C-alpha atoms as a PDB file:
ATOM      1  CA  MET A   1      86.107 119.491  57.659  1.00  0.00           C
ATOM      2  CA  GLN A   2      86.666 116.799  55.067  1.00  0.00           C
ATOM      3  CA  ILE A   3      89.709 117.225  52.810  1.00  0.00           C
ATOM      4  CA  ILE A   4      88.649 117.370  49.144  1.00  0.00           C
ATOM      5  CA  ASN A   5      91.501 119.026  47.164  1.00  0.00           C
ATOM      6  CA  GLU A   6      89.779 119.089  43.739  1.00  0.00           C
ATOM      7  CA  ALA A   7      90.210 121.639  40.953  1.00  0.00           C
ATOM      8  CA  ILE A   8      87.117 123.818  40.465  1.00  0.00           C
ATOM      9  CA  GLY A   9      85.921 126.836  38.529  1.00  0.00           C
ATOM     10  CA  VAL A  10      85.255 129.920  40.664  1.00  0.00           C
ATOM     11  CA  ASN A  11      83.395 133.135  39.823  1.00  0.00           C
ATOM     12  CA  VAL A  12      84.945 136.144  41.534  1.00  0.00           C
ATOM     13  CA  ARG A  13      84.342 139.835  42.055  1.00  0.00           C
ATOM     14  CA  PHE A  14      87.219 142.315  41.974  1.00  0.00           C
ATOM     15  CA  GLY A  15      87.133 145.664  43.710  1.00  0.00           C
ATOM     16  CA  GLY A  16      89.421 147.900  45.711  1.00  0.00           C
ATOM     17  CA  GLY A  17      92.392 145.606  45.139  1.00  0.00           C
ATOM     18  CA  VAL A  18      90.498 142.636  46.613  1.00  0.00           C
ATOM     19  CA  VAL A  19      89.308 139.413  45.007  1.00  0.00           C
ATOM     20  CA  LEU A  20      86.182 137.805  46.477  1.00  0.00           C
ATOM     21  CA  PRO A  21      84.643 134.475  45.396  1.00  0.00           C
ATOM     22  CA  ILE A  22      80.930 134.788  44.649  1.00  0.00           C
ATOM     23  CA  GLY A  23      80.211 131.299  43.272  1.00  0.00           C
ATOM     24  CA  PHE A  24      81.786 128.061  42.096  1.00  0.00           C
ATOM     25  CA  ASP A  25      81.094 124.923  40.083  1.00  0.00           C
ATOM     26  CA  TRP A  26      81.838 121.579  41.707  1.00  0.00           C
ATOM     27  CA  ARG A  27      80.865 118.013  40.773  1.00  0.00           C
ATOM     28  CA  GLY A  28      78.283 119.126  38.233  1.00  0.00           C
ATOM     29  CA  HIS A  29      76.565 121.697  40.470  1.00  0.00           C
ATOM     30  CA  SER A  30      76.781 125.480  40.723  1.00  0.00           C
ATOM     31  CA  TYR A  31      76.925 127.087  44.154  1.00  0.00           C
ATOM     32  CA  SER A  32      76.499 130.711  45.183  1.00  0.00           C
ATOM     33  CA  VAL A  33      78.688 131.959  48.011  1.00  0.00           C
ATOM     34  CA  SER A  34      76.408 133.525  50.606  1.00  0.00           C
ATOM     35  CA  ARG A  35      79.175 134.701  52.926  1.00  0.00           C
ATOM     36  CA  VAL A  36      82.957 134.611  53.227  1.00  0.00           C
ATOM     37  CA  THR A  37      83.758 134.025  56.892  1.00  0.00           C
ATOM     38  CA  MET A  38      87.566 134.052  56.811  1.00  0.00           C
ATOM     39  CA  VAL A  39      90.434 134.903  54.450  1.00  0.00           C
ATOM     40  CA  PHE A  40      94.022 133.829  55.110  1.00  0.00           C
ATOM     41  CA  GLU A  41      97.282 133.067  53.312  1.00  0.00           C
ATOM     42  CA  ARG A  42      99.100 129.752  53.375  1.00  0.00           C
ATOM     43  CA  GLN A  43     102.496 128.771  52.020  1.00  0.00           C
ATOM     44  CA  ASP A  44     103.575 125.276  50.998  1.00  0.00           C
ATOM     45  CA  GLY A  45     107.191 125.109  49.937  1.00  0.00           C
ATOM     46  CA  GLY A  46     107.667 128.018  47.571  1.00  0.00           C
ATOM     47  CA  ARG A  47     103.994 128.295  46.569  1.00  0.00           C
ATOM     48  CA  ARG A  48     101.634 130.808  48.129  1.00  0.00           C
ATOM     49  CA  TYR A  49      97.894 130.313  48.410  1.00  0.00           C
ATOM     50  CA  LEU A  50      95.046 132.639  49.271  1.00  0.00           C
ATOM     51  CA  CYS A  51      92.323 130.734  51.139  1.00  0.00           C
ATOM     52  CA  PHE A  52      88.684 131.697  51.613  1.00  0.00           C
ATOM     53  CA  VAL A  53      86.382 129.936  54.062  1.00  0.00           C
ATOM     54  CA  ALA A  54      82.865 130.459  52.729  1.00  0.00           C
ATOM     55  CA  GLU A  55      79.251 129.417  53.222  1.00  0.00           C
ATOM     56  CA  ALA A  56      77.608 128.069  50.074  1.00  0.00           C
ATOM     57  CA  GLY A  57      74.637 125.781  49.468  1.00  0.00           C
ATOM     58  CA  GLY A  58      74.385 124.712  53.108  1.00  0.00           C
ATOM     59  CA  MET A  59      78.087 123.834  53.212  1.00  0.00           C
ATOM     60  CA  LEU A  60      81.163 125.404  54.714  1.00  0.00           C
ATOM     61  CA  VAL A  61      83.972 125.234  52.156  1.00  0.00           C
ATOM     62  CA  GLU A  62      87.588 126.278  51.848  1.00  0.00           C
ATOM     63  CA  LEU A  63      88.280 127.756  48.398  1.00  0.00           C
ATOM     64  CA  VAL A  64      91.993 127.965  47.602  1.00  0.00           C
ATOM     65  CA  LEU A  65      93.586 130.254  45.003  1.00  0.00           C
ATOM     66  CA  ASP A  66      97.097 129.329  43.858  1.00  0.00           C
ATOM     67  CA  ARG A  67      98.751 132.744  43.532  1.00  0.00           C
ATOM     68  CA  GLU A  68     101.247 131.478  40.927  1.00  0.00           C
ATOM     69  CA  SER A  69      98.997 129.551  38.530  1.00  0.00           C
ATOM     70  CA  LEU A  70      95.774 131.431  39.443  1.00  0.00           C
ATOM     71  CA  GLY A  71      94.037 128.041  39.590  1.00  0.00           C
ATOM     72  CA  TRP A  72      91.320 127.338  42.144  1.00  0.00           C
ATOM     73  CA  ARG A  73      90.695 124.247  44.269  1.00  0.00           C
ATOM     74  CA  ILE A  74      88.146 123.272  46.844  1.00  0.00           C
ATOM     75  CA  GLY A  75      90.430 122.353  49.711  1.00  0.00           C
ATOM     76  CA  LYS A  76      87.980 121.263  52.393  1.00  0.00           C
ATOM     77  CA  CYS A  77      84.241 120.919  52.862  1.00  0.00           C
ATOM     78  CA  GLU A  78      81.827 120.508  55.750  1.00  0.00           C
ATOM     79  CA  PRO A  79      78.740 119.235  53.905  1.00  0.00           C
ATOM     80  CA  SER A  80      76.233 119.423  56.767  1.00  0.00           C
ATOM     81  CA  TYR A  81      77.134 122.897  57.988  1.00  0.00           C
ATOM     82  CA  THR A  82      73.564 124.163  58.301  1.00  0.00           C
END
């Protein structure tokens, strides 16, 4: 996967104590998340991140939620996933 690390806007769904990304805006386009394939936590220094690997628009992307600032980033992308 290609490292991107750009701030993005993410639409999420909350339910049962879980947050799930359902879409995001990136580089002037809107993408719908068709499936979340993996969820994991990562820590860098003192910051904790919640990471979602998702299929969207024919891509495989890593969406990263900073648990402190609640900001989202697209961490990585595999543009020709399908």
